[in-house]
Amino acid sequence: MGRVLKGFMHATEKFQAVFGPATQGDTDAPIEHKHDDFEEASEEDLGHFEVETDAEGHHYAVRKDDPGPTTTDYY
């Protein structure tokens, strides 16, 4: 074993002694994703945008209530 790998294995043994062995849980169980307040707020903010794709495949976020070009837009 190389020195780096041996050092890594030593560190993981120390972590296992402190935190216990890693558990995988039930790998066949469906993943349950729970939303927190920050994620709910982010989804609400992103709900005001639509994703558009140009002819070259580039993706752009466009506001759903976009007023169109304004005097501050760059040309």
C-alpha atoms as a PDB file:
ATOM      1  CA  MET A   1       0.000   0.000   0.000  1.00  0.00           C
ATOM      2  CA  GLY A   2       1.179   3.479  -0.750  1.00  0.00           C
ATOM      3  CA  ARG A   3       1.878   6.012   1.973  1.00  0.00           C
ATOM      4  CA  VAL A   4      -1.085   8.198   1.052  1.00  0.00           C
ATOM      5  CA  LEU A   5      -3.499   5.277   0.966  1.00  0.00           C
ATOM      6  CA  LYS A   6      -2.170   3.965   4.272  1.00  0.00           C
ATOM      7  CA  GLY A   7      -2.686   7.432   5.817  1.00  0.00           C
ATOM      8  CA  PHE A   8      -6.211   7.591   4.461  1.00  0.00           C
ATOM      9  CA  MET A   9      -7.051   4.141   5.832  1.00  0.00           C
ATOM     10  CA  HIS A  10      -5.649   5.153   9.217  1.00  0.00           C
ATOM     11  CA  ALA A  11      -7.848   8.280   9.243  1.00  0.00           C
ATOM     12  CA  THR A  12     -10.983   6.310   8.329  1.00  0.00           C
ATOM     13  CA  GLU A  13     -10.271   3.832  11.127  1.00  0.00           C
ATOM     14  CA  LYS A  14     -10.071   6.745  13.571  1.00  0.00           C
ATOM     15  CA  PHE A  15     -13.370   8.166  12.269  1.00  0.00           C
ATOM     16  CA  GLN A  16     -15.002   4.756  12.623  1.00  0.00           C
ATOM     17  CA  ALA A  17     -13.796   4.535  16.223  1.00  0.00           C
ATOM     18  CA  VAL A  18     -15.341   7.938  17.007  1.00  0.00           C
ATOM     19  CA  PHE A  19     -18.508   7.934  14.867  1.00  0.00           C
ATOM     20  CA  GLY A  20     -19.150   4.211  14.450  1.00  0.00           C
ATOM     21  CA  PRO A  21     -19.326   2.216  11.231  1.00  0.00           C
ATOM     22  CA  ALA A  22     -20.932   3.661   8.134  1.00  0.00           C
ATOM     23  CA  THR A  23     -24.447   2.375   7.562  1.00  0.00           C
ATOM     24  CA  GLN A  24     -25.942   2.037   4.126  1.00  0.00           C
ATOM     25  CA  GLY A  25     -29.530   1.599   5.237  1.00  0.00           C
ATOM     26  CA  ASP A  26     -32.053  -0.043   2.939  1.00  0.00           C
ATOM     27  CA  THR A  27     -30.717   0.519  -0.562  1.00  0.00           C
ATOM     28  CA  ASP A  28     -33.988  -0.700  -2.121  1.00  0.00           C
ATOM     29  CA  ALA A  29     -36.130   1.862  -0.277  1.00  0.00           C
ATOM     30  CA  PRO A  30     -37.296   4.882  -2.301  1.00  0.00           C
ATOM     31  CA  ILE A  31     -35.515   8.151  -1.596  1.00  0.00           C
ATOM     32  CA  GLU A  32     -37.642  10.541   0.416  1.00  0.00           C
ATOM     33  CA  HIS A  33     -36.722  14.167  -0.216  1.00  0.00           C
ATOM     34  CA  LYS A  34     -37.926  16.572   2.439  1.00  0.00           C
ATOM     35  CA  HIS A  35     -38.087  20.289   1.701  1.00  0.00           C
ATOM     36  CA  ASP A  36     -36.930  22.798   4.277  1.00  0.00           C
ATOM     37  CA  ASP A  37     -37.983  26.457   4.452  1.00  0.00           C
ATOM     38  CA  PHE A  38     -34.980  27.661   2.419  1.00  0.00           C
ATOM     39  CA  GLU A  39     -35.690  25.199  -0.365  1.00  0.00           C
ATOM     40  CA  GLU A  40     -39.363  26.148  -0.447  1.00  0.00           C
ATOM     41  CA  ALA A  41     -38.397  29.837  -0.746  1.00  0.00           C
ATOM     42  CA  SER A  42     -35.918  29.036  -3.533  1.00  0.00           C
ATOM     43  CA  GLU A  43     -38.526  27.100  -5.494  1.00  0.00           C
ATOM     44  CA  GLU A  44     -40.966  29.968  -5.110  1.00  0.00           C
ATOM     45  CA  ASP A  45     -38.361  32.422  -6.436  1.00  0.00           C
ATOM     46  CA  LEU A  46     -37.438  30.156  -9.348  1.00  0.00           C
ATOM     47  CA  GLY A  47     -41.105  29.659 -10.176  1.00  0.00           C
ATOM     48  CA  HIS A  48     -41.075  33.133 -11.760  1.00  0.00           C
ATOM     49  CA  PHE A  49     -38.691  31.932 -14.499  1.00  0.00           C
ATOM     50  CA  GLU A  50     -39.017  29.745 -17.572  1.00  0.00           C
ATOM     51  CA  VAL A  51     -36.090  28.010 -19.235  1.00  0.00           C
ATOM     52  CA  GLU A  52     -35.723  28.684 -22.950  1.00  0.00           C
ATOM     53  CA  THR A  53     -33.305  26.994 -25.320  1.00  0.00           C
ATOM     54  CA  ASP A  54     -31.858  28.662 -28.402  1.00  0.00           C
ATOM     55  CA  ALA A  55     -30.989  26.999 -31.721  1.00  0.00           C
ATOM     56  CA  GLU A  56     -27.455  26.185 -30.489  1.00  0.00           C
ATOM     57  CA  GLY A  57     -28.726  24.405 -27.366  1.00  0.00           C
ATOM     58  CA  HIS A  58     -27.893  27.139 -24.838  1.00  0.00           C
ATOM     59  CA  HIS A  59     -30.345  27.477 -21.958  1.00  0.00           C
ATOM     60  CA  TYR A  60     -31.584  30.821 -20.646  1.00  0.00           C
ATOM     61  CA  ALA A  61     -33.793  31.755 -17.719  1.00  0.00           C
ATOM     62  CA  VAL A  62     -36.494  34.218 -18.734  1.00  0.00           C
ATOM     63  CA  ARG A  63     -38.913  35.881 -16.336  1.00  0.00           C
ATOM     64  CA  LYS A  64     -42.511  34.840 -16.932  1.00  0.00           C
ATOM     65  CA  ASP A  65     -43.626  38.424 -16.371  1.00  0.00           C
ATOM     66  CA  ASP A  66     -40.767  39.933 -18.415  1.00  0.00           C
ATOM     67  CA  PRO A  67     -41.677  43.497 -19.434  1.00  0.00           C
ATOM     68  CA  GLY A  68     -39.459  43.242 -22.524  1.00  0.00           C
ATOM     69  CA  PRO A  69     -36.494  45.477 -23.370  1.00  0.00           C
ATOM     70  CA  THR A  70     -36.015  48.460 -21.073  1.00  0.00           C
ATOM     71  CA  THR A  71     -33.862  51.561 -21.287  1.00  0.00           C
ATOM     72  CA  THR A  72     -31.224  49.970 -19.035  1.00  0.00           C
ATOM     73  CA  ASP A  73     -30.689  46.920 -21.282  1.00  0.00           C
ATOM     74  CA  TYR A  74     -27.341  46.657 -23.082  1.00  0.00           C
ATOM     75  CA  TYR A  75     -27.282  46.197 -26.841  1.00  0.00           C
END
